[in-house]
Amino acid sequence: QKLIEEICPAGSFADLPQRLLVNTV
């Protein structure tokens, strides 16, 4: 989680300047 916080943007998908899809199950 700490690594992800360092690398990935905060906020929701709607806040991003680029459309993003994250695949989970």
PDBML (XML) file of the C-alpha atoms, coordinates in Angstrom:
<?xml version="1.0" encoding="UTF-8" ?>
<PDBx:datablock datablockName="MODEL"
   xmlns:PDBx="http://pdbml.pdb.org/schema/pdbx-v50.xsd"
   xmlns:xsi="http://www.w3.org/2001/XMLSchema-instance"
   xsi:schemaLocation="http://pdbml.pdb.org/schema/pdbx-v50.xsd pdbx-v50.xsd">
   <PDBx:atom_siteCategory>
      <PDBx:atom_site id="1">
         <PDBx:B_iso_or_equiv>0.00</PDBx:B_iso_or_equiv>
         <PDBx:Cartn_x>0.000</PDBx:Cartn_x>
         <PDBx:Cartn_y>0.000</PDBx:Cartn_y>
         <PDBx:Cartn_z>0.000</PDBx:Cartn_z>
         <PDBx:auth_asym_id>A</PDBx:auth_asym_id>
         <PDBx:auth_atom_id>CA</PDBx:auth_atom_id>
         <PDBx:auth_comp_id>GLN</PDBx:auth_comp_id>
         <PDBx:auth_seq_id>1</PDBx:auth_seq_id>
         <PDBx:group_PDB>ATOM</PDBx:group_PDB>
         <PDBx:label_alt_id xsi:nil="true" />
         <PDBx:label_asym_id>A</PDBx:label_asym_id>
         <PDBx:label_atom_id>CA</PDBx:label_atom_id>
         <PDBx:label_comp_id>GLN</PDBx:label_comp_id>
         <PDBx:label_entity_id>1</PDBx:label_entity_id>
         <PDBx:label_seq_id>1</PDBx:label_seq_id>
         <PDBx:occupancy>1.00</PDBx:occupancy>
         <PDBx:pdbx_PDB_model_num>1</PDBx:pdbx_PDB_model_num>
         <PDBx:type_symbol>C</PDBx:type_symbol>
      </PDBx:atom_site>
      <PDBx:atom_site id="2">
         <PDBx:B_iso_or_equiv>0.00</PDBx:B_iso_or_equiv>
         <PDBx:Cartn_x>2.854</PDBx:Cartn_x>
         <PDBx:Cartn_y>2.373</PDBx:Cartn_y>
         <PDBx:Cartn_z>0.816</PDBx:Cartn_z>
         <PDBx:auth_asym_id>A</PDBx:auth_asym_id>
         <PDBx:auth_atom_id>CA</PDBx:auth_atom_id>
         <PDBx:auth_comp_id>LYS</PDBx:auth_comp_id>
         <PDBx:auth_seq_id>2</PDBx:auth_seq_id>
         <PDBx:group_PDB>ATOM</PDBx:group_PDB>
         <PDBx:label_alt_id xsi:nil="true" />
         <PDBx:label_asym_id>A</PDBx:label_asym_id>
         <PDBx:label_atom_id>CA</PDBx:label_atom_id>
         <PDBx:label_comp_id>LYS</PDBx:label_comp_id>
         <PDBx:label_entity_id>1</PDBx:label_entity_id>
         <PDBx:label_seq_id>2</PDBx:label_seq_id>
         <PDBx:occupancy>1.00</PDBx:occupancy>
         <PDBx:pdbx_PDB_model_num>1</PDBx:pdbx_PDB_model_num>
         <PDBx:type_symbol>C</PDBx:type_symbol>
      </PDBx:atom_site>
      <PDBx:atom_site id="3">
         <PDBx:B_iso_or_equiv>0.00</PDBx:B_iso_or_equiv>
         <PDBx:Cartn_x>4.496</PDBx:Cartn_x>
         <PDBx:Cartn_y>1.703</PDBx:Cartn_y>
         <PDBx:Cartn_z>-2.560</PDBx:Cartn_z>
         <PDBx:auth_asym_id>A</PDBx:auth_asym_id>
         <PDBx:auth_atom_id>CA</PDBx:auth_atom_id>
         <PDBx:auth_comp_id>LEU</PDBx:auth_comp_id>
         <PDBx:auth_seq_id>3</PDBx:auth_seq_id>
         <PDBx:group_PDB>ATOM</PDBx:group_PDB>
         <PDBx:label_alt_id xsi:nil="true" />
         <PDBx:label_asym_id>A</PDBx:label_asym_id>
         <PDBx:label_atom_id>CA</PDBx:label_atom_id>
         <PDBx:label_comp_id>LEU</PDBx:label_comp_id>
         <PDBx:label_entity_id>1</PDBx:label_entity_id>
         <PDBx:label_seq_id>3</PDBx:label_seq_id>
         <PDBx:occupancy>1.00</PDBx:occupancy>
         <PDBx:pdbx_PDB_model_num>1</PDBx:pdbx_PDB_model_num>
         <PDBx:type_symbol>C</PDBx:type_symbol>
      </PDBx:atom_site>
      <PDBx:atom_site id="4">
         <PDBx:B_iso_or_equiv>0.00</PDBx:B_iso_or_equiv>
         <PDBx:Cartn_x>1.201</PDBx:Cartn_x>
         <PDBx:Cartn_y>2.399</PDBx:Cartn_y>
         <PDBx:Cartn_z>-4.316</PDBx:Cartn_z>
         <PDBx:auth_asym_id>A</PDBx:auth_asym_id>
         <PDBx:auth_atom_id>CA</PDBx:auth_atom_id>
         <PDBx:auth_comp_id>ILE</PDBx:auth_comp_id>
         <PDBx:auth_seq_id>4</PDBx:auth_seq_id>
         <PDBx:group_PDB>ATOM</PDBx:group_PDB>
         <PDBx:label_alt_id xsi:nil="true" />
         <PDBx:label_asym_id>A</PDBx:label_asym_id>
         <PDBx:label_atom_id>CA</PDBx:label_atom_id>
         <PDBx:label_comp_id>ILE</PDBx:label_comp_id>
         <PDBx:label_entity_id>1</PDBx:label_entity_id>
         <PDBx:label_seq_id>4</PDBx:label_seq_id>
         <PDBx:occupancy>1.00</PDBx:occupancy>
         <PDBx:pdbx_PDB_model_num>1</PDBx:pdbx_PDB_model_num>
         <PDBx:type_symbol>C</PDBx:type_symbol>
      </PDBx:atom_site>
      <PDBx:atom_site id="5">
         <PDBx:B_iso_or_equiv>0.00</PDBx:B_iso_or_equiv>
         <PDBx:Cartn_x>0.780</PDBx:Cartn_x>
         <PDBx:Cartn_y>5.665</PDBx:Cartn_y>
         <PDBx:Cartn_z>-2.406</PDBx:Cartn_z>
         <PDBx:auth_asym_id>A</PDBx:auth_asym_id>
         <PDBx:auth_atom_id>CA</PDBx:auth_atom_id>
         <PDBx:auth_comp_id>GLU</PDBx:auth_comp_id>
         <PDBx:auth_seq_id>5</PDBx:auth_seq_id>
         <PDBx:group_PDB>ATOM</PDBx:group_PDB>
         <PDBx:label_alt_id xsi:nil="true" />
         <PDBx:label_asym_id>A</PDBx:label_asym_id>
         <PDBx:label_atom_id>CA</PDBx:label_atom_id>
         <PDBx:label_comp_id>GLU</PDBx:label_comp_id>
         <PDBx:label_entity_id>1</PDBx:label_entity_id>
         <PDBx:label_seq_id>5</PDBx:label_seq_id>
         <PDBx:occupancy>1.00</PDBx:occupancy>
         <PDBx:pdbx_PDB_model_num>1</PDBx:pdbx_PDB_model_num>
         <PDBx:type_symbol>C</PDBx:type_symbol>
      </PDBx:atom_site>
      <PDBx:atom_site id="6">
         <PDBx:B_iso_or_equiv>0.00</PDBx:B_iso_or_equiv>
         <PDBx:Cartn_x>4.222</PDBx:Cartn_x>
         <PDBx:Cartn_y>6.787</PDBx:Cartn_y>
         <PDBx:Cartn_z>-3.600</PDBx:Cartn_z>
         <PDBx:auth_asym_id>A</PDBx:auth_asym_id>
         <PDBx:auth_atom_id>CA</PDBx:auth_atom_id>
         <PDBx:auth_comp_id>GLU</PDBx:auth_comp_id>
         <PDBx:auth_seq_id>6</PDBx:auth_seq_id>
         <PDBx:group_PDB>ATOM</PDBx:group_PDB>
         <PDBx:label_alt_id xsi:nil="true" />
         <PDBx:label_asym_id>A</PDBx:label_asym_id>
         <PDBx:label_atom_id>CA</PDBx:label_atom_id>
         <PDBx:label_comp_id>GLU</PDBx:label_comp_id>
         <PDBx:label_entity_id>1</PDBx:label_entity_id>
         <PDBx:label_seq_id>6</PDBx:label_seq_id>
         <PDBx:occupancy>1.00</PDBx:occupancy>
         <PDBx:pdbx_PDB_model_num>1</PDBx:pdbx_PDB_model_num>
         <PDBx:type_symbol>C</PDBx:type_symbol>
      </PDBx:atom_site>
      <PDBx:atom_site id="7">
         <PDBx:B_iso_or_equiv>0.00</PDBx:B_iso_or_equiv>
         <PDBx:Cartn_x>3.532</PDBx:Cartn_x>
         <PDBx:Cartn_y>5.995</PDBx:Cartn_y>
         <PDBx:Cartn_z>-7.244</PDBx:Cartn_z>
         <PDBx:auth_asym_id>A</PDBx:auth_asym_id>
         <PDBx:auth_atom_id>CA</PDBx:auth_atom_id>
         <PDBx:auth_comp_id>ILE</PDBx:auth_comp_id>
         <PDBx:auth_seq_id>7</PDBx:auth_seq_id>
         <PDBx:group_PDB>ATOM</PDBx:group_PDB>
         <PDBx:label_alt_id xsi:nil="true" />
         <PDBx:label_asym_id>A</PDBx:label_asym_id>
         <PDBx:label_atom_id>CA</PDBx:label_atom_id>
         <PDBx:label_comp_id>ILE</PDBx:label_comp_id>
         <PDBx:label_entity_id>1</PDBx:label_entity_id>
         <PDBx:label_seq_id>7</PDBx:label_seq_id>
         <PDBx:occupancy>1.00</PDBx:occupancy>
         <PDBx:pdbx_PDB_model_num>1</PDBx:pdbx_PDB_model_num>
         <PDBx:type_symbol>C</PDBx:type_symbol>
      </PDBx:atom_site>
      <PDBx:atom_site id="8">
         <PDBx:B_iso_or_equiv>0.00</PDBx:B_iso_or_equiv>
         <PDBx:Cartn_x>-0.197</PDBx:Cartn_x>
         <PDBx:Cartn_y>6.262</PDBx:Cartn_y>
         <PDBx:Cartn_z>-7.933</PDBx:Cartn_z>
         <PDBx:auth_asym_id>A</PDBx:auth_asym_id>
         <PDBx:auth_atom_id>CA</PDBx:auth_atom_id>
         <PDBx:auth_comp_id>CYS</PDBx:auth_comp_id>
         <PDBx:auth_seq_id>8</PDBx:auth_seq_id>
         <PDBx:group_PDB>ATOM</PDBx:group_PDB>
         <PDBx:label_alt_id xsi:nil="true" />
         <PDBx:label_asym_id>A</PDBx:label_asym_id>
         <PDBx:label_atom_id>CA</PDBx:label_atom_id>
         <PDBx:label_comp_id>CYS</PDBx:label_comp_id>
         <PDBx:label_entity_id>1</PDBx:label_entity_id>
         <PDBx:label_seq_id>8</PDBx:label_seq_id>
         <PDBx:occupancy>1.00</PDBx:occupancy>
         <PDBx:pdbx_PDB_model_num>1</PDBx:pdbx_PDB_model_num>
         <PDBx:type_symbol>C</PDBx:type_symbol>
      </PDBx:atom_site>
      <PDBx:atom_site id="9">
         <PDBx:B_iso_or_equiv>0.00</PDBx:B_iso_or_equiv>
         <PDBx:Cartn_x>-2.305</PDBx:Cartn_x>
         <PDBx:Cartn_y>9.440</PDBx:Cartn_y>
         <PDBx:Cartn_z>-7.904</PDBx:Cartn_z>
         <PDBx:auth_asym_id>A</PDBx:auth_asym_id>
         <PDBx:auth_atom_id>CA</PDBx:auth_atom_id>
         <PDBx:auth_comp_id>PRO</PDBx:auth_comp_id>
         <PDBx:auth_seq_id>9</PDBx:auth_seq_id>
         <PDBx:group_PDB>ATOM</PDBx:group_PDB>
         <PDBx:label_alt_id xsi:nil="true" />
         <PDBx:label_asym_id>A</PDBx:label_asym_id>
         <PDBx:label_atom_id>CA</PDBx:label_atom_id>
         <PDBx:label_comp_id>PRO</PDBx:label_comp_id>
         <PDBx:label_entity_id>1</PDBx:label_entity_id>
         <PDBx:label_seq_id>9</PDBx:label_seq_id>
         <PDBx:occupancy>1.00</PDBx:occupancy>
         <PDBx:pdbx_PDB_model_num>1</PDBx:pdbx_PDB_model_num>
         <PDBx:type_symbol>C</PDBx:type_symbol>
      </PDBx:atom_site>
      <PDBx:atom_site id="10">
         <PDBx:B_iso_or_equiv>0.00</PDBx:B_iso_or_equiv>
         <PDBx:Cartn_x>-4.719</PDBx:Cartn_x>
         <PDBx:Cartn_y>10.164</PDBx:Cartn_y>
         <PDBx:Cartn_z>-5.091</PDBx:Cartn_z>
         <PDBx:auth_asym_id>A</PDBx:auth_asym_id>
         <PDBx:auth_atom_id>CA</PDBx:auth_atom_id>
         <PDBx:auth_comp_id>ALA</PDBx:auth_comp_id>
         <PDBx:auth_seq_id>10</PDBx:auth_seq_id>
         <PDBx:group_PDB>ATOM</PDBx:group_PDB>
         <PDBx:label_alt_id xsi:nil="true" />
         <PDBx:label_asym_id>A</PDBx:label_asym_id>
         <PDBx:label_atom_id>CA</PDBx:label_atom_id>
         <PDBx:label_comp_id>ALA</PDBx:label_comp_id>
         <PDBx:label_entity_id>1</PDBx:label_entity_id>
         <PDBx:label_seq_id>10</PDBx:label_seq_id>
         <PDBx:occupancy>1.00</PDBx:occupancy>
         <PDBx:pdbx_PDB_model_num>1</PDBx:pdbx_PDB_model_num>
         <PDBx:type_symbol>C</PDBx:type_symbol>
      </PDBx:atom_site>
      <PDBx:atom_site id="11">
         <PDBx:B_iso_or_equiv>0.00</PDBx:B_iso_or_equiv>
         <PDBx:Cartn_x>-8.431</PDBx:Cartn_x>
         <PDBx:Cartn_y>10.581</PDBx:Cartn_y>
         <PDBx:Cartn_z>-5.644</PDBx:Cartn_z>
         <PDBx:auth_asym_id>A</PDBx:auth_asym_id>
         <PDBx:auth_atom_id>CA</PDBx:auth_atom_id>
         <PDBx:auth_comp_id>GLY</PDBx:auth_comp_id>
         <PDBx:auth_seq_id>11</PDBx:auth_seq_id>
         <PDBx:group_PDB>ATOM</PDBx:group_PDB>
         <PDBx:label_alt_id xsi:nil="true" />
         <PDBx:label_asym_id>A</PDBx:label_asym_id>
         <PDBx:label_atom_id>CA</PDBx:label_atom_id>
         <PDBx:label_comp_id>GLY</PDBx:label_comp_id>
         <PDBx:label_entity_id>1</PDBx:label_entity_id>
         <PDBx:label_seq_id>11</PDBx:label_seq_id>
         <PDBx:occupancy>1.00</PDBx:occupancy>
         <PDBx:pdbx_PDB_model_num>1</PDBx:pdbx_PDB_model_num>
         <PDBx:type_symbol>C</PDBx:type_symbol>
      </PDBx:atom_site>
      <PDBx:atom_site id="12">
         <PDBx:B_iso_or_equiv>0.00</PDBx:B_iso_or_equiv>
         <PDBx:Cartn_x>-10.908</PDBx:Cartn_x>
         <PDBx:Cartn_y>8.766</PDBx:Cartn_y>
         <PDBx:Cartn_z>-7.830</PDBx:Cartn_z>
         <PDBx:auth_asym_id>A</PDBx:auth_asym_id>
         <PDBx:auth_atom_id>CA</PDBx:auth_atom_id>
         <PDBx:auth_comp_id>SER</PDBx:auth_comp_id>
         <PDBx:auth_seq_id>12</PDBx:auth_seq_id>
         <PDBx:group_PDB>ATOM</PDBx:group_PDB>
         <PDBx:label_alt_id xsi:nil="true" />
         <PDBx:label_asym_id>A</PDBx:label_asym_id>
         <PDBx:label_atom_id>CA</PDBx:label_atom_id>
         <PDBx:label_comp_id>SER</PDBx:label_comp_id>
         <PDBx:label_entity_id>1</PDBx:label_entity_id>
         <PDBx:label_seq_id>12</PDBx:label_seq_id>
         <PDBx:occupancy>1.00</PDBx:occupancy>
         <PDBx:pdbx_PDB_model_num>1</PDBx:pdbx_PDB_model_num>
         <PDBx:type_symbol>C</PDBx:type_symbol>
      </PDBx:atom_site>
      <PDBx:atom_site id="13">
         <PDBx:B_iso_or_equiv>0.00</PDBx:B_iso_or_equiv>
         <PDBx:Cartn_x>-10.808</PDBx:Cartn_x>
         <PDBx:Cartn_y>7.597</PDBx:Cartn_y>
         <PDBx:Cartn_z>-11.427</PDBx:Cartn_z>
         <PDBx:auth_asym_id>A</PDBx:auth_asym_id>
         <PDBx:auth_atom_id>CA</PDBx:auth_atom_id>
         <PDBx:auth_comp_id>PHE</PDBx:auth_comp_id>
         <PDBx:auth_seq_id>13</PDBx:auth_seq_id>
         <PDBx:group_PDB>ATOM</PDBx:group_PDB>
         <PDBx:label_alt_id xsi:nil="true" />
         <PDBx:label_asym_id>A</PDBx:label_asym_id>
         <PDBx:label_atom_id>CA</PDBx:label_atom_id>
         <PDBx:label_comp_id>PHE</PDBx:label_comp_id>
         <PDBx:label_entity_id>1</PDBx:label_entity_id>
         <PDBx:label_seq_id>13</PDBx:label_seq_id>
         <PDBx:occupancy>1.00</PDBx:occupancy>
         <PDBx:pdbx_PDB_model_num>1</PDBx:pdbx_PDB_model_num>
         <PDBx:type_symbol>C</PDBx:type_symbol>
      </PDBx:atom_site>
      <PDBx:atom_site id="14">
         <PDBx:B_iso_or_equiv>0.00</PDBx:B_iso_or_equiv>
         <PDBx:Cartn_x>-13.011</PDBx:Cartn_x>
         <PDBx:Cartn_y>10.549</PDBx:Cartn_y>
         <PDBx:Cartn_z>-12.363</PDBx:Cartn_z>
         <PDBx:auth_asym_id>A</PDBx:auth_asym_id>
         <PDBx:auth_atom_id>CA</PDBx:auth_atom_id>
         <PDBx:auth_comp_id>ALA</PDBx:auth_comp_id>
         <PDBx:auth_seq_id>14</PDBx:auth_seq_id>
         <PDBx:group_PDB>ATOM</PDBx:group_PDB>
         <PDBx:label_alt_id xsi:nil="true" />
         <PDBx:label_asym_id>A</PDBx:label_asym_id>
         <PDBx:label_atom_id>CA</PDBx:label_atom_id>
         <PDBx:label_comp_id>ALA</PDBx:label_comp_id>
         <PDBx:label_entity_id>1</PDBx:label_entity_id>
         <PDBx:label_seq_id>14</PDBx:label_seq_id>
         <PDBx:occupancy>1.00</PDBx:occupancy>
         <PDBx:pdbx_PDB_model_num>1</PDBx:pdbx_PDB_model_num>
         <PDBx:type_symbol>C</PDBx:type_symbol>
      </PDBx:atom_site>
      <PDBx:atom_site id="15">
         <PDBx:B_iso_or_equiv>0.00</PDBx:B_iso_or_equiv>
         <PDBx:Cartn_x>-10.279</PDBx:Cartn_x>
         <PDBx:Cartn_y>12.930</PDBx:Cartn_y>
         <PDBx:Cartn_z>-11.163</PDBx:Cartn_z>
         <PDBx:auth_asym_id>A</PDBx:auth_asym_id>
         <PDBx:auth_atom_id>CA</PDBx:auth_atom_id>
         <PDBx:auth_comp_id>ASP</PDBx:auth_comp_id>
         <PDBx:auth_seq_id>15</PDBx:auth_seq_id>
         <PDBx:group_PDB>ATOM</PDBx:group_PDB>
         <PDBx:label_alt_id xsi:nil="true" />
         <PDBx:label_asym_id>A</PDBx:label_asym_id>
         <PDBx:label_atom_id>CA</PDBx:label_atom_id>
         <PDBx:label_comp_id>ASP</PDBx:label_comp_id>
         <PDBx:label_entity_id>1</PDBx:label_entity_id>
         <PDBx:label_seq_id>15</PDBx:label_seq_id>
         <PDBx:occupancy>1.00</PDBx:occupancy>
         <PDBx:pdbx_PDB_model_num>1</PDBx:pdbx_PDB_model_num>
         <PDBx:type_symbol>C</PDBx:type_symbol>
      </PDBx:atom_site>
      <PDBx:atom_site id="16">
         <PDBx:B_iso_or_equiv>0.00</PDBx:B_iso_or_equiv>
         <PDBx:Cartn_x>-7.634</PDBx:Cartn_x>
         <PDBx:Cartn_y>11.619</PDBx:Cartn_y>
         <PDBx:Cartn_z>-13.575</PDBx:Cartn_z>
         <PDBx:auth_asym_id>A</PDBx:auth_asym_id>
         <PDBx:auth_atom_id>CA</PDBx:auth_atom_id>
         <PDBx:auth_comp_id>LEU</PDBx:auth_comp_id>
         <PDBx:auth_seq_id>16</PDBx:auth_seq_id>
         <PDBx:group_PDB>ATOM</PDBx:group_PDB>
         <PDBx:label_alt_id xsi:nil="true" />
         <PDBx:label_asym_id>A</PDBx:label_asym_id>
         <PDBx:label_atom_id>CA</PDBx:label_atom_id>
         <PDBx:label_comp_id>LEU</PDBx:label_comp_id>
         <PDBx:label_entity_id>1</PDBx:label_entity_id>
         <PDBx:label_seq_id>16</PDBx:label_seq_id>
         <PDBx:occupancy>1.00</PDBx:occupancy>
         <PDBx:pdbx_PDB_model_num>1</PDBx:pdbx_PDB_model_num>
         <PDBx:type_symbol>C</PDBx:type_symbol>
      </PDBx:atom_site>
      <PDBx:atom_site id="17">
         <PDBx:B_iso_or_equiv>0.00</PDBx:B_iso_or_equiv>
         <PDBx:Cartn_x>-6.568</PDBx:Cartn_x>
         <PDBx:Cartn_y>13.506</PDBx:Cartn_y>
         <PDBx:Cartn_z>-16.713</PDBx:Cartn_z>
         <PDBx:auth_asym_id>A</PDBx:auth_asym_id>
         <PDBx:auth_atom_id>CA</PDBx:auth_atom_id>
         <PDBx:auth_comp_id>PRO</PDBx:auth_comp_id>
         <PDBx:auth_seq_id>17</PDBx:auth_seq_id>
         <PDBx:group_PDB>ATOM</PDBx:group_PDB>
         <PDBx:label_alt_id xsi:nil="true" />
         <PDBx:label_asym_id>A</PDBx:label_asym_id>
         <PDBx:label_atom_id>CA</PDBx:label_atom_id>
         <PDBx:label_comp_id>PRO</PDBx:label_comp_id>
         <PDBx:label_entity_id>1</PDBx:label_entity_id>
         <PDBx:label_seq_id>17</PDBx:label_seq_id>
         <PDBx:occupancy>1.00</PDBx:occupancy>
         <PDBx:pdbx_PDB_model_num>1</PDBx:pdbx_PDB_model_num>
         <PDBx:type_symbol>C</PDBx:type_symbol>
      </PDBx:atom_site>
      <PDBx:atom_site id="18">
         <PDBx:B_iso_or_equiv>0.00</PDBx:B_iso_or_equiv>
         <PDBx:Cartn_x>-6.227</PDBx:Cartn_x>
         <PDBx:Cartn_y>10.170</PDBx:Cartn_y>
         <PDBx:Cartn_z>-18.557</PDBx:Cartn_z>
         <PDBx:auth_asym_id>A</PDBx:auth_asym_id>
         <PDBx:auth_atom_id>CA</PDBx:auth_atom_id>
         <PDBx:auth_comp_id>GLN</PDBx:auth_comp_id>
         <PDBx:auth_seq_id>18</PDBx:auth_seq_id>
         <PDBx:group_PDB>ATOM</PDBx:group_PDB>
         <PDBx:label_alt_id xsi:nil="true" />
         <PDBx:label_asym_id>A</PDBx:label_asym_id>
         <PDBx:label_atom_id>CA</PDBx:label_atom_id>
         <PDBx:label_comp_id>GLN</PDBx:label_comp_id>
         <PDBx:label_entity_id>1</PDBx:label_entity_id>
         <PDBx:label_seq_id>18</PDBx:label_seq_id>
         <PDBx:occupancy>1.00</PDBx:occupancy>
         <PDBx:pdbx_PDB_model_num>1</PDBx:pdbx_PDB_model_num>
         <PDBx:type_symbol>C</PDBx:type_symbol>
      </PDBx:atom_site>
      <PDBx:atom_site id="19">
         <PDBx:B_iso_or_equiv>0.00</PDBx:B_iso_or_equiv>
         <PDBx:Cartn_x>-8.911</PDBx:Cartn_x>
         <PDBx:Cartn_y>7.484</PDBx:Cartn_y>
         <PDBx:Cartn_z>-18.680</PDBx:Cartn_z>
         <PDBx:auth_asym_id>A</PDBx:auth_asym_id>
         <PDBx:auth_atom_id>CA</PDBx:auth_atom_id>
         <PDBx:auth_comp_id>ARG</PDBx:auth_comp_id>
         <PDBx:auth_seq_id>19</PDBx:auth_seq_id>
         <PDBx:group_PDB>ATOM</PDBx:group_PDB>
         <PDBx:label_alt_id xsi:nil="true" />
         <PDBx:label_asym_id>A</PDBx:label_asym_id>
         <PDBx:label_atom_id>CA</PDBx:label_atom_id>
         <PDBx:label_comp_id>ARG</PDBx:label_comp_id>
         <PDBx:label_entity_id>1</PDBx:label_entity_id>
         <PDBx:label_seq_id>19</PDBx:label_seq_id>
         <PDBx:occupancy>1.00</PDBx:occupancy>
         <PDBx:pdbx_PDB_model_num>1</PDBx:pdbx_PDB_model_num>
         <PDBx:type_symbol>C</PDBx:type_symbol>
      </PDBx:atom_site>
      <PDBx:atom_site id="20">
         <PDBx:B_iso_or_equiv>0.00</PDBx:B_iso_or_equiv>
         <PDBx:Cartn_x>-7.809</PDBx:Cartn_x>
         <PDBx:Cartn_y>4.474</PDBx:Cartn_y>
         <PDBx:Cartn_z>-16.624</PDBx:Cartn_z>
         <PDBx:auth_asym_id>A</PDBx:auth_asym_id>
         <PDBx:auth_atom_id>CA</PDBx:auth_atom_id>
         <PDBx:auth_comp_id>LEU</PDBx:auth_comp_id>
         <PDBx:auth_seq_id>20</PDBx:auth_seq_id>
         <PDBx:group_PDB>ATOM</PDBx:group_PDB>
         <PDBx:label_alt_id xsi:nil="true" />
         <PDBx:label_asym_id>A</PDBx:label_asym_id>
         <PDBx:label_atom_id>CA</PDBx:label_atom_id>
         <PDBx:label_comp_id>LEU</PDBx:label_comp_id>
         <PDBx:label_entity_id>1</PDBx:label_entity_id>
         <PDBx:label_seq_id>20</PDBx:label_seq_id>
         <PDBx:occupancy>1.00</PDBx:occupancy>
         <PDBx:pdbx_PDB_model_num>1</PDBx:pdbx_PDB_model_num>
         <PDBx:type_symbol>C</PDBx:type_symbol>
      </PDBx:atom_site>
      <PDBx:atom_site id="21">
         <PDBx:B_iso_or_equiv>0.00</PDBx:B_iso_or_equiv>
         <PDBx:Cartn_x>-9.185</PDBx:Cartn_x>
         <PDBx:Cartn_y>0.962</PDBx:Cartn_y>
         <PDBx:Cartn_z>-16.111</PDBx:Cartn_z>
         <PDBx:auth_asym_id>A</PDBx:auth_asym_id>
         <PDBx:auth_atom_id>CA</PDBx:auth_atom_id>
         <PDBx:auth_comp_id>LEU</PDBx:auth_comp_id>
         <PDBx:auth_seq_id>21</PDBx:auth_seq_id>
         <PDBx:group_PDB>ATOM</PDBx:group_PDB>
         <PDBx:label_alt_id xsi:nil="true" />
         <PDBx:label_asym_id>A</PDBx:label_asym_id>
         <PDBx:label_atom_id>CA</PDBx:label_atom_id>
         <PDBx:label_comp_id>LEU</PDBx:label_comp_id>
         <PDBx:label_entity_id>1</PDBx:label_entity_id>
         <PDBx:label_seq_id>21</PDBx:label_seq_id>
         <PDBx:occupancy>1.00</PDBx:occupancy>
         <PDBx:pdbx_PDB_model_num>1</PDBx:pdbx_PDB_model_num>
         <PDBx:type_symbol>C</PDBx:type_symbol>
      </PDBx:atom_site>
      <PDBx:atom_site id="22">
         <PDBx:B_iso_or_equiv>0.00</PDBx:B_iso_or_equiv>
         <PDBx:Cartn_x>-7.921</PDBx:Cartn_x>
         <PDBx:Cartn_y>-1.277</PDBx:Cartn_y>
         <PDBx:Cartn_z>-13.296</PDBx:Cartn_z>
         <PDBx:auth_asym_id>A</PDBx:auth_asym_id>
         <PDBx:auth_atom_id>CA</PDBx:auth_atom_id>
         <PDBx:auth_comp_id>VAL</PDBx:auth_comp_id>
         <PDBx:auth_seq_id>22</PDBx:auth_seq_id>
         <PDBx:group_PDB>ATOM</PDBx:group_PDB>
         <PDBx:label_alt_id xsi:nil="true" />
         <PDBx:label_asym_id>A</PDBx:label_asym_id>
         <PDBx:label_atom_id>CA</PDBx:label_atom_id>
         <PDBx:label_comp_id>VAL</PDBx:label_comp_id>
         <PDBx:label_entity_id>1</PDBx:label_entity_id>
         <PDBx:label_seq_id>22</PDBx:label_seq_id>
         <PDBx:occupancy>1.00</PDBx:occupancy>
         <PDBx:pdbx_PDB_model_num>1</PDBx:pdbx_PDB_model_num>
         <PDBx:type_symbol>C</PDBx:type_symbol>
      </PDBx:atom_site>
      <PDBx:atom_site id="23">
         <PDBx:B_iso_or_equiv>0.00</PDBx:B_iso_or_equiv>
         <PDBx:Cartn_x>-8.689</PDBx:Cartn_x>
         <PDBx:Cartn_y>-4.982</PDBx:Cartn_y>
         <PDBx:Cartn_z>-13.549</PDBx:Cartn_z>
         <PDBx:auth_asym_id>A</PDBx:auth_asym_id>
         <PDBx:auth_atom_id>CA</PDBx:auth_atom_id>
         <PDBx:auth_comp_id>ASN</PDBx:auth_comp_id>
         <PDBx:auth_seq_id>23</PDBx:auth_seq_id>
         <PDBx:group_PDB>ATOM</PDBx:group_PDB>
         <PDBx:label_alt_id xsi:nil="true" />
         <PDBx:label_asym_id>A</PDBx:label_asym_id>
         <PDBx:label_atom_id>CA</PDBx:label_atom_id>
         <PDBx:label_comp_id>ASN</PDBx:label_comp_id>
         <PDBx:label_entity_id>1</PDBx:label_entity_id>
         <PDBx:label_seq_id>23</PDBx:label_seq_id>
         <PDBx:occupancy>1.00</PDBx:occupancy>
         <PDBx:pdbx_PDB_model_num>1</PDBx:pdbx_PDB_model_num>
         <PDBx:type_symbol>C</PDBx:type_symbol>
      </PDBx:atom_site>
      <PDBx:atom_site id="24">
         <PDBx:B_iso_or_equiv>0.00</PDBx:B_iso_or_equiv>
         <PDBx:Cartn_x>-9.623</PDBx:Cartn_x>
         <PDBx:Cartn_y>-6.981</PDBx:Cartn_y>
         <PDBx:Cartn_z>-10.441</PDBx:Cartn_z>
         <PDBx:auth_asym_id>A</PDBx:auth_asym_id>
         <PDBx:auth_atom_id>CA</PDBx:auth_atom_id>
         <PDBx:auth_comp_id>THR</PDBx:auth_comp_id>
         <PDBx:auth_seq_id>24</PDBx:auth_seq_id>
         <PDBx:group_PDB>ATOM</PDBx:group_PDB>
         <PDBx:label_alt_id xsi:nil="true" />
         <PDBx:label_asym_id>A</PDBx:label_asym_id>
         <PDBx:label_atom_id>CA</PDBx:label_atom_id>
         <PDBx:label_comp_id>THR</PDBx:label_comp_id>
         <PDBx:label_entity_id>1</PDBx:label_entity_id>
         <PDBx:label_seq_id>24</PDBx:label_seq_id>
         <PDBx:occupancy>1.00</PDBx:occupancy>
         <PDBx:pdbx_PDB_model_num>1</PDBx:pdbx_PDB_model_num>
         <PDBx:type_symbol>C</PDBx:type_symbol>
      </PDBx:atom_site>
      <PDBx:atom_site id="25">
         <PDBx:B_iso_or_equiv>0.00</PDBx:B_iso_or_equiv>
         <PDBx:Cartn_x>-11.689</PDBx:Cartn_x>
         <PDBx:Cartn_y>-10.028</PDBx:Cartn_y>
         <PDBx:Cartn_z>-9.478</PDBx:Cartn_z>
         <PDBx:auth_asym_id>A</PDBx:auth_asym_id>
         <PDBx:auth_atom_id>CA</PDBx:auth_atom_id>
         <PDBx:auth_comp_id>VAL</PDBx:auth_comp_id>
         <PDBx:auth_seq_id>25</PDBx:auth_seq_id>
         <PDBx:group_PDB>ATOM</PDBx:group_PDB>
         <PDBx:label_alt_id xsi:nil="true" />
         <PDBx:label_asym_id>A</PDBx:label_asym_id>
         <PDBx:label_atom_id>CA</PDBx:label_atom_id>
         <PDBx:label_comp_id>VAL</PDBx:label_comp_id>
         <PDBx:label_entity_id>1</PDBx:label_entity_id>
         <PDBx:label_seq_id>25</PDBx:label_seq_id>
         <PDBx:occupancy>1.00</PDBx:occupancy>
         <PDBx:pdbx_PDB_model_num>1</PDBx:pdbx_PDB_model_num>
         <PDBx:type_symbol>C</PDBx:type_symbol>
      </PDBx:atom_site>
   </PDBx:atom_siteCategory>
</PDBx:datablock>
